[in-house]
Amino acid sequence: MRSLLKPFVVSVALLVCFVLAACANPSAEAPAPSSEPAIDDLGIVVVDALGRTVQFPEPPRRIVVAGRSSLTIVDTLYLFPQAAERLAGLVVGQQRPGDFLGFVDPTFEGKAVLEVEAGPEQIAPLHPDVVILRSFMTEKLGKPLEQLDIPVVYVDLETPDQYFRDIVTLGQLLGDQGRVEEIRSFYQARLDLVSEGLRGLTEDGKPRVLIVQYSDQGGEVALNIPSAAWLQTAEAELAGGSPIWVEASQGGGWTVVNFEQVAAWDPDQIYVISYQSDPTQVIQELAADPRWQALRAVQEGQLYGFAADIFSWDQPDPRWILGVTWLASKIHPDRFADLDMMDELSRFFGLMYGLDQAAIEAQILPNLKGSVQ
């Protein structure tokens, strides 16, 4: 599979055209539906990530988010003010949404909680008007729910293109076109900032970067690289890096690599993701390891913990835009010398989640992890 760089450069250009002309399609993968819900004799009609038309007699009042990777959906749903009132139930996995959304939504503790593997028999008693799933849950959960006449809407959220498209779908469900435009404008402004900072950058000027997930569950250290089709790869490319792992990650999930492979790649820069522990501590441990000390990136001070607050900025969560901006400032510090990530962070949580500066300082800043500054 070829690198994702060119498609995403093109994608960003297309998105710029959308904002300037207010008429272009933000998705390179499928025609984006109008963010205004279609209301006729059949009620509201939306088009989901699978291209399916789903009809509702009225805007769904009881929304349930289920299946795996549901955190990405819930955090995105809360970009809309209606989410607090309409979210009736959600899955809680290892990454607990309440750790963050508990202070965004005072009613969050009252939401029904489902297990990650919850099936139709656990979901049906919540009487959902709609269940929102990631599209890879179609066979395992989506179709069984539809057999019970429970409407299902699918989202992907796995690439910037998909994120723009799926924001439209969620806006349709919630009936809030104005908020769709606010969200898209915010994200596009950040993408424009990065794109402008990288103007004139040649292929030779792109550092060879490695994004790798580190875990040591059960005392066993594991290194994994993200799929070439995943957001982490897109973030690296949008930020002006050359992801060296693409050819080795053509599968659909995380791919295990050993240290010898990392050494063979000899990347210019290494970004370490750690979901279970503070990435700052992880890179300190790696930098003290004699094997890692032999790597050029470590010798040159180019080993970084991937930025995070309560959740990591590499995931298909609304924070991915912070991840792109932060990565650009690390990959090309000379081009983004004036970029203040604390300012970017305050803008994000203020405009996207409605947090005031006092809440940001009390709830977000103490949870910052990785090489944020």
Protein backbone atom coordinates (compact mmCIF):
# COMPACT_ATOMS: atom_id res chain seq x y z
CA MET A 1 0.00 0.00 0.00
CA ARG A 2 1.38 3.41 -0.84
CA SER A 3 1.88 6.12 1.77
CA LEU A 4 -1.12 8.07 2.93
CA LEU A 5 0.74 11.38 2.66
CA LYS A 6 -0.41 12.49 -0.77
CA PRO A 7 -4.06 11.62 -0.18
CA PHE A 8 -4.13 13.57 3.01
CA VAL A 9 -2.35 16.61 1.52
CA VAL A 10 -4.99 16.59 -1.17
CA SER A 11 -7.66 16.07 1.48
CA VAL A 12 -6.55 19.15 3.40
CA ALA A 13 -6.59 21.22 0.21
CA LEU A 14 -10.10 20.05 -0.55
CA LEU A 15 -11.23 20.92 2.95
CA VAL A 16 -9.85 24.44 2.56
CA CYS A 17 -11.95 24.80 -0.55
CA PHE A 18 -15.00 23.67 1.39
CA VAL A 19 -14.63 26.34 4.02
CA LEU A 20 -13.94 29.12 1.50
CA ALA A 21 -16.69 28.18 -0.87
CA ALA A 22 -19.12 26.51 1.58
CA CYS A 23 -20.00 24.02 -1.06
CA ALA A 24 -17.27 21.39 -1.36
CA ASN A 25 -17.49 17.86 0.04
CA PRO A 26 -15.31 17.38 3.17
CA SER A 27 -15.03 13.64 2.68
CA ALA A 28 -12.74 12.11 0.11
CA GLU A 29 -14.36 8.73 0.69
CA ALA A 30 -18.07 9.28 0.23
CA PRO A 31 -20.36 12.21 -0.57
CA ALA A 32 -21.04 14.08 2.65
CA PRO A 33 -24.68 14.53 3.56
CA SER A 34 -26.04 17.97 4.27
CA SER A 35 -25.60 18.93 7.91
CA GLU A 36 -29.22 20.07 7.96
CA PRO A 37 -31.43 17.07 8.75
CA ALA A 38 -33.83 16.29 5.96
CA ILE A 39 -37.34 16.61 7.40
CA ASP A 40 -40.36 15.53 5.40
CA ASP A 41 -43.40 13.33 5.87
CA LEU A 42 -41.03 10.56 6.95
CA GLY A 43 -39.40 12.72 9.64
CA ILE A 44 -35.60 13.04 9.80
CA VAL A 45 -33.42 11.27 7.24
CA VAL A 46 -29.67 10.84 7.77
CA VAL A 47 -26.93 9.02 5.86
CA ASP A 48 -24.35 7.15 7.93
CA ALA A 49 -20.76 6.02 7.36
CA LEU A 50 -21.89 2.94 5.41
CA GLY A 51 -23.95 5.08 3.05
CA ARG A 52 -27.18 3.79 4.57
CA THR A 53 -30.23 6.05 4.76
CA VAL A 54 -31.76 5.95 8.23
CA GLN A 55 -35.14 7.56 8.95
CA PHE A 56 -36.56 8.84 12.23
CA PRO A 57 -40.03 10.25 12.88
CA GLU A 58 -38.43 12.93 15.05
CA PRO A 59 -34.95 13.75 16.40
CA PRO A 60 -33.79 10.81 18.56
CA ARG A 61 -34.21 11.60 22.26
CA ARG A 62 -32.59 8.49 23.72
CA ILE A 63 -29.16 7.77 22.24
CA VAL A 64 -27.05 4.78 23.22
CA VAL A 65 -23.40 4.42 22.23
CA ALA A 66 -22.22 0.81 22.29
CA GLY A 67 -19.57 -1.58 20.99
CA ARG A 68 -15.82 -1.30 20.95
CA SER A 69 -14.02 2.05 20.58
CA SER A 70 -17.13 3.76 21.86
CA LEU A 71 -15.07 6.39 23.71
CA THR A 72 -14.27 8.01 20.37
CA ILE A 73 -17.99 8.33 19.64
CA VAL A 74 -19.00 9.58 23.08
CA ASP A 75 -16.30 12.25 23.24
CA THR A 76 -17.28 13.39 19.75
CA LEU A 77 -20.99 13.40 20.57
CA TYR A 78 -20.25 15.75 23.47
CA LEU A 79 -18.99 18.38 21.06
CA PHE A 80 -22.73 19.07 20.71
CA PRO A 81 -24.56 20.64 23.68
CA GLN A 82 -27.57 18.32 23.16
CA ALA A 83 -25.49 15.26 24.08
CA ALA A 84 -25.87 15.74 27.83
CA GLU A 85 -29.66 15.51 27.59
CA ARG A 86 -29.95 12.81 24.94
CA LEU A 87 -27.22 10.31 25.79
CA ALA A 88 -29.04 7.54 27.67
CA GLY A 89 -26.35 4.88 27.87
CA LEU A 90 -22.78 4.10 26.88
CA VAL A 91 -20.06 1.51 27.07
CA VAL A 92 -17.27 2.00 29.59
CA GLY A 93 -14.04 0.18 28.82
CA GLN A 94 -10.47 0.58 30.02
CA GLN A 95 -10.55 4.25 29.05
CA ARG A 96 -13.40 5.64 31.13
CA PRO A 97 -15.25 8.60 29.56
CA GLY A 98 -16.44 9.77 32.96
CA ASP A 99 -12.88 10.66 33.89
CA PHE A 100 -13.26 13.57 31.47
CA LEU A 101 -16.96 14.04 30.74
CA GLY A 102 -17.90 14.01 34.40
CA PHE A 103 -17.04 17.69 34.67
CA VAL A 104 -18.31 18.56 31.17
CA ASP A 105 -21.77 17.10 31.92
CA PRO A 106 -23.04 17.31 35.53
CA THR A 107 -25.56 14.55 34.73
CA PHE A 108 -22.98 12.12 33.39
CA GLU A 109 -22.94 9.90 36.46
CA GLY A 110 -26.62 9.17 35.86
CA LYS A 111 -26.04 7.59 32.43
CA ALA A 112 -26.62 3.86 32.05
CA VAL A 113 -23.32 1.97 31.82
CA LEU A 114 -22.83 -1.02 29.52
CA GLU A 115 -20.02 -3.54 29.34
CA VAL A 116 -17.80 -3.49 26.26
CA GLU A 117 -19.28 -6.78 25.04
CA ALA A 118 -22.89 -5.81 25.79
CA GLY A 119 -25.28 -7.32 23.26
CA PRO A 120 -28.85 -6.54 22.19
CA GLU A 121 -30.28 -8.08 25.35
CA GLN A 122 -28.46 -5.47 27.49
CA ILE A 123 -29.10 -2.57 25.11
CA ALA A 124 -32.81 -3.09 24.37
CA PRO A 125 -33.99 -2.42 27.97
CA LEU A 126 -32.61 1.13 27.64
CA HIS A 127 -35.29 1.77 24.95
CA PRO A 128 -32.94 3.62 22.59
CA ASP A 129 -34.27 5.69 19.71
CA VAL A 130 -30.92 5.02 18.04
CA VAL A 131 -27.70 3.15 18.79
CA ILE A 132 -24.48 4.65 17.43
CA LEU A 133 -21.68 2.21 16.59
CA ARG A 134 -18.31 2.24 14.89
CA SER A 135 -18.76 0.68 11.45
CA PHE A 136 -16.58 -2.35 12.22
CA MET A 137 -19.29 -3.45 14.69
CA THR A 138 -21.80 -4.02 11.88
CA GLU A 139 -21.86 -7.81 11.85
CA LYS A 140 -21.28 -8.46 15.54
CA LEU A 141 -23.74 -5.96 17.01
CA GLY A 142 -25.37 -3.76 14.41
CA LYS A 143 -27.34 -6.38 12.51
CA PRO A 144 -28.60 -8.16 15.67
CA LEU A 145 -29.88 -4.80 16.94
CA GLU A 146 -31.66 -4.09 13.66
CA GLN A 147 -33.36 -7.49 13.89
CA LEU A 148 -35.01 -6.10 17.04
CA ASP A 149 -36.11 -3.00 15.08
CA ILE A 150 -33.62 -0.82 16.96
CA PRO A 151 -32.25 1.82 14.55
CA VAL A 152 -28.47 1.87 14.17
CA VAL A 153 -26.28 4.66 12.80
CA TYR A 154 -22.63 3.94 11.98
CA VAL A 155 -19.62 6.24 12.15
CA ASP A 156 -15.94 5.65 11.39
CA LEU A 157 -13.98 8.58 12.88
CA GLU A 158 -10.73 6.92 11.83
CA THR A 159 -9.32 9.55 9.45
CA PRO A 160 -9.68 13.33 9.19
CA ASP A 161 -11.94 12.91 6.14
CA GLN A 162 -14.18 10.50 8.02
CA TYR A 163 -14.24 12.75 11.05
CA PHE A 164 -15.54 15.70 9.04
CA ARG A 165 -18.17 13.47 7.44
CA ASP A 166 -19.26 11.84 10.69
CA ILE A 167 -19.60 15.19 12.45
CA VAL A 168 -22.25 15.97 9.85
CA THR A 169 -24.07 12.72 10.63
CA LEU A 170 -24.08 13.42 14.38
CA GLY A 171 -25.26 16.96 13.72
CA GLN A 172 -28.15 15.56 11.70
CA LEU A 173 -29.16 13.23 14.52
CA LEU A 174 -29.08 16.11 16.99
CA GLY A 175 -30.62 18.62 14.60
CA ASP A 176 -27.86 21.21 15.05
CA GLN A 177 -26.44 22.43 11.77
CA GLY A 178 -24.99 25.55 13.37
CA ARG A 179 -22.80 23.53 15.69
CA VAL A 180 -21.61 21.36 12.80
CA GLU A 181 -20.30 24.47 11.07
CA GLU A 182 -18.63 25.72 14.27
CA ILE A 183 -16.82 22.42 14.77
CA ARG A 184 -15.71 22.14 11.16
CA SER A 185 -14.51 25.74 11.11
CA PHE A 186 -12.44 25.21 14.27
CA TYR A 187 -10.77 22.06 12.95
CA GLN A 188 -10.18 23.57 9.54
CA ALA A 189 -8.52 26.64 11.04
CA ARG A 190 -6.04 24.38 12.85
CA LEU A 191 -5.37 22.35 9.69
CA ASP A 192 -4.85 25.59 7.77
CA LEU A 193 -2.38 26.79 10.41
CA VAL A 194 -0.32 23.61 10.05
CA SER A 195 -0.57 23.61 6.27
CA GLU A 196 0.62 27.20 6.07
CA GLY A 197 3.52 26.46 8.41
CA LEU A 198 4.63 23.62 6.14
CA ARG A 199 4.38 25.64 2.95
CA GLY A 200 7.32 24.89 0.65
CA LEU A 201 8.36 21.76 2.55
CA THR A 202 9.97 19.19 0.26
CA GLU A 203 10.07 15.43 0.69
CA ASP A 204 13.74 15.67 1.62
CA GLY A 205 12.82 18.10 4.38
CA LYS A 206 10.49 15.64 6.13
CA PRO A 207 12.08 13.82 9.08
CA ARG A 208 11.64 10.04 9.20
CA VAL A 209 9.39 9.60 12.21
CA LEU A 210 8.24 6.58 14.17
CA ILE A 211 5.06 6.52 16.26
CA VAL A 212 5.04 3.43 18.44
CA GLN A 213 2.79 2.23 21.26
CA TYR A 214 4.57 0.95 24.35
CA SER A 215 3.01 -1.34 26.95
CA ASP A 216 4.38 -3.51 29.73
CA GLN A 217 1.30 -5.35 30.92
CA GLY A 218 2.18 -8.40 32.97
CA GLY A 219 5.82 -7.34 32.92
CA GLU A 220 6.10 -8.06 29.21
CA VAL A 221 7.27 -5.09 27.14
CA ALA A 222 5.53 -4.79 23.78
CA LEU A 223 6.02 -2.33 20.93
CA ASN A 224 3.24 -1.86 18.39
CA ILE A 225 2.96 0.31 15.29
CA PRO A 226 -0.40 1.65 14.09
CA SER A 227 -2.10 0.60 10.89
CA ALA A 228 -1.16 2.55 7.79
CA ALA A 229 -4.86 3.42 7.47
CA TRP A 230 -5.22 4.74 11.01
CA LEU A 231 -5.28 8.24 12.38
CA GLN A 232 -1.79 8.07 13.89
CA THR A 233 -0.32 7.70 10.40
CA ALA A 234 -2.43 10.56 9.12
CA GLU A 235 -1.34 12.78 12.01
CA ALA A 236 2.33 12.18 11.22
CA GLU A 237 1.84 12.98 7.55
CA LEU A 238 -0.32 16.06 8.12
CA ALA A 239 2.32 17.33 10.57
CA GLY A 240 5.06 17.15 7.94
CA GLY A 241 6.72 13.88 8.88
CA SER A 242 7.55 10.78 6.86
CA PRO A 243 6.13 7.75 8.76
CA ILE A 244 8.65 4.97 8.34
CA TRP A 245 6.34 2.17 9.51
CA VAL A 246 3.78 2.29 6.71
CA GLU A 247 5.06 -0.63 4.65
CA ALA A 248 5.16 -2.83 7.74
CA SER A 249 1.63 -2.00 8.91
CA GLN A 250 -0.70 -2.93 6.09
CA GLY A 251 -2.98 -4.94 8.39
CA GLY A 252 -6.12 -3.63 10.02
CA GLY A 253 -4.80 -3.14 13.55
CA TRP A 254 -1.73 -2.68 15.71
CA THR A 255 1.32 -4.61 14.47
CA VAL A 256 3.89 -5.94 16.92
CA VAL A 257 7.50 -4.98 16.20
CA ASN A 258 10.67 -5.76 18.12
CA PHE A 259 13.49 -3.46 19.10
CA GLU A 260 15.68 -4.82 16.32
CA GLN A 261 13.18 -3.52 13.76
CA VAL A 262 13.15 -0.12 15.42
CA ALA A 263 16.96 -0.06 15.31
CA ALA A 264 16.95 -1.09 11.64
CA TRP A 265 14.60 1.78 10.78
CA ASP A 266 16.85 4.20 12.70
CA PRO A 267 14.22 6.98 12.73
CA ASP A 268 15.08 10.64 13.04
CA GLN A 269 12.37 11.08 15.67
CA ILE A 270 10.46 8.65 17.89
CA TYR A 271 7.06 9.33 19.48
CA VAL A 272 5.99 6.87 22.17
CA ILE A 273 2.31 6.30 22.98
CA SER A 274 1.47 4.82 26.37
CA TYR A 275 -2.18 4.29 27.27
CA GLN A 276 -1.61 2.55 30.60
CA SER A 277 1.05 4.83 32.09
CA ASP A 278 2.49 8.32 31.82
CA PRO A 279 4.46 8.51 28.54
CA THR A 280 6.85 10.97 30.21
CA GLN A 281 7.98 8.25 32.59
CA VAL A 282 8.15 5.70 29.77
CA ILE A 283 10.55 7.76 27.66
CA GLN A 284 12.73 8.40 30.72
CA GLU A 285 13.02 4.66 31.20
CA LEU A 286 13.71 4.05 27.51
CA ALA A 287 16.33 6.81 27.39
CA ALA A 288 18.14 5.07 30.27
CA ASP A 289 18.14 1.72 28.45
CA PRO A 290 21.57 1.07 26.84
CA ARG A 291 19.95 -0.45 23.76
CA TRP A 292 17.79 2.62 23.19
CA GLN A 293 20.76 4.90 23.89
CA ALA A 294 22.36 3.50 20.74
CA LEU A 295 19.54 4.92 18.59
CA ARG A 296 20.31 8.14 16.78
CA ALA A 297 16.97 9.70 17.76
CA VAL A 298 17.73 9.15 21.45
CA GLN A 299 21.27 10.46 21.11
CA GLU A 300 19.98 13.62 19.44
CA GLY A 301 17.21 14.25 21.96
CA GLN A 302 14.45 13.31 19.55
CA LEU A 303 12.60 10.80 21.76
CA TYR A 304 9.18 12.12 22.83
CA GLY A 305 6.25 10.91 24.86
CA PHE A 306 3.10 11.36 22.76
CA ALA A 307 1.09 14.22 24.22
CA ALA A 308 -2.00 13.45 26.29
CA ASP A 309 -4.27 14.89 28.91
CA ILE A 310 -6.84 12.51 30.36
CA PHE A 311 -6.77 10.73 26.98
CA SER A 312 -3.95 10.50 24.44
CA TRP A 313 -3.97 12.86 21.47
CA ASP A 314 -3.20 10.12 18.95
CA GLN A 315 -6.65 8.49 19.00
CA PRO A 316 -9.69 9.09 16.75
CA ASP A 317 -11.08 11.26 19.53
CA PRO A 318 -11.75 15.00 19.10
CA ARG A 319 -8.24 15.56 20.47
CA TRP A 320 -6.70 14.37 17.20
CA ILE A 321 -6.54 18.00 16.06
CA LEU A 322 -4.37 18.78 19.11
CA GLY A 323 -2.23 15.80 18.12
CA VAL A 324 -1.64 17.13 14.61
CA THR A 325 -0.79 20.62 15.87
CA TRP A 326 1.52 19.33 18.60
CA LEU A 327 3.28 16.91 16.25
CA ALA A 328 3.92 19.68 13.73
CA SER A 329 5.53 21.80 16.45
CA LYS A 330 7.83 18.90 17.40
CA ILE A 331 8.65 17.63 13.92
CA HIS A 332 9.35 21.15 12.60
CA PRO A 333 10.08 23.39 15.62
CA ASP A 334 11.70 26.01 13.41
CA ARG A 335 8.51 26.41 11.37
CA PHE A 336 6.22 26.62 14.42
CA ALA A 337 8.36 28.59 16.84
CA ASP A 338 5.47 30.92 17.66
CA LEU A 339 2.96 28.15 18.30
CA ASP A 340 1.80 28.07 21.93
CA MET A 341 0.29 24.67 22.73
CA MET A 342 -1.16 25.97 26.00
CA ASP A 343 -3.10 28.51 23.98
CA GLU A 344 -4.19 25.84 21.50
CA LEU A 345 -5.29 23.63 24.37
CA SER A 346 -7.34 26.41 25.96
CA ARG A 347 -9.01 27.22 22.65
CA PHE A 348 -9.86 23.57 22.06
CA PHE A 349 -11.43 22.81 25.43
CA GLY A 350 -13.08 26.21 25.57
CA LEU A 351 -14.66 26.25 22.12
CA MET A 352 -15.28 22.54 21.67
CA TYR A 353 -16.40 21.59 25.20
CA GLY A 354 -17.43 24.91 26.71
CA LEU A 355 -14.92 24.80 29.57
CA ASP A 356 -13.83 28.13 31.03
CA GLN A 357 -10.20 28.84 31.82
CA ALA A 358 -10.66 28.04 35.51
CA ALA A 359 -12.02 24.58 34.65
CA ILE A 360 -9.22 23.98 32.17
CA GLU A 361 -6.61 24.89 34.77
CA ALA A 362 -8.27 22.73 37.41
CA GLN A 363 -9.22 19.68 35.33
CA ILE A 364 -7.02 19.54 32.22
CA LEU A 365 -3.62 21.04 32.97
CA PRO A 366 -2.91 18.77 35.99
CA ASN A 367 -3.52 15.77 33.71
CA LEU A 368 -1.13 16.76 30.93
CA LYS A 369 1.28 13.98 30.03
CA GLY A 370 3.99 13.36 27.49
CA SER A 371 6.21 15.95 25.83
CA VAL A 372 3.48 18.60 25.58
CA GLN A 373 5.88 21.54 25.83
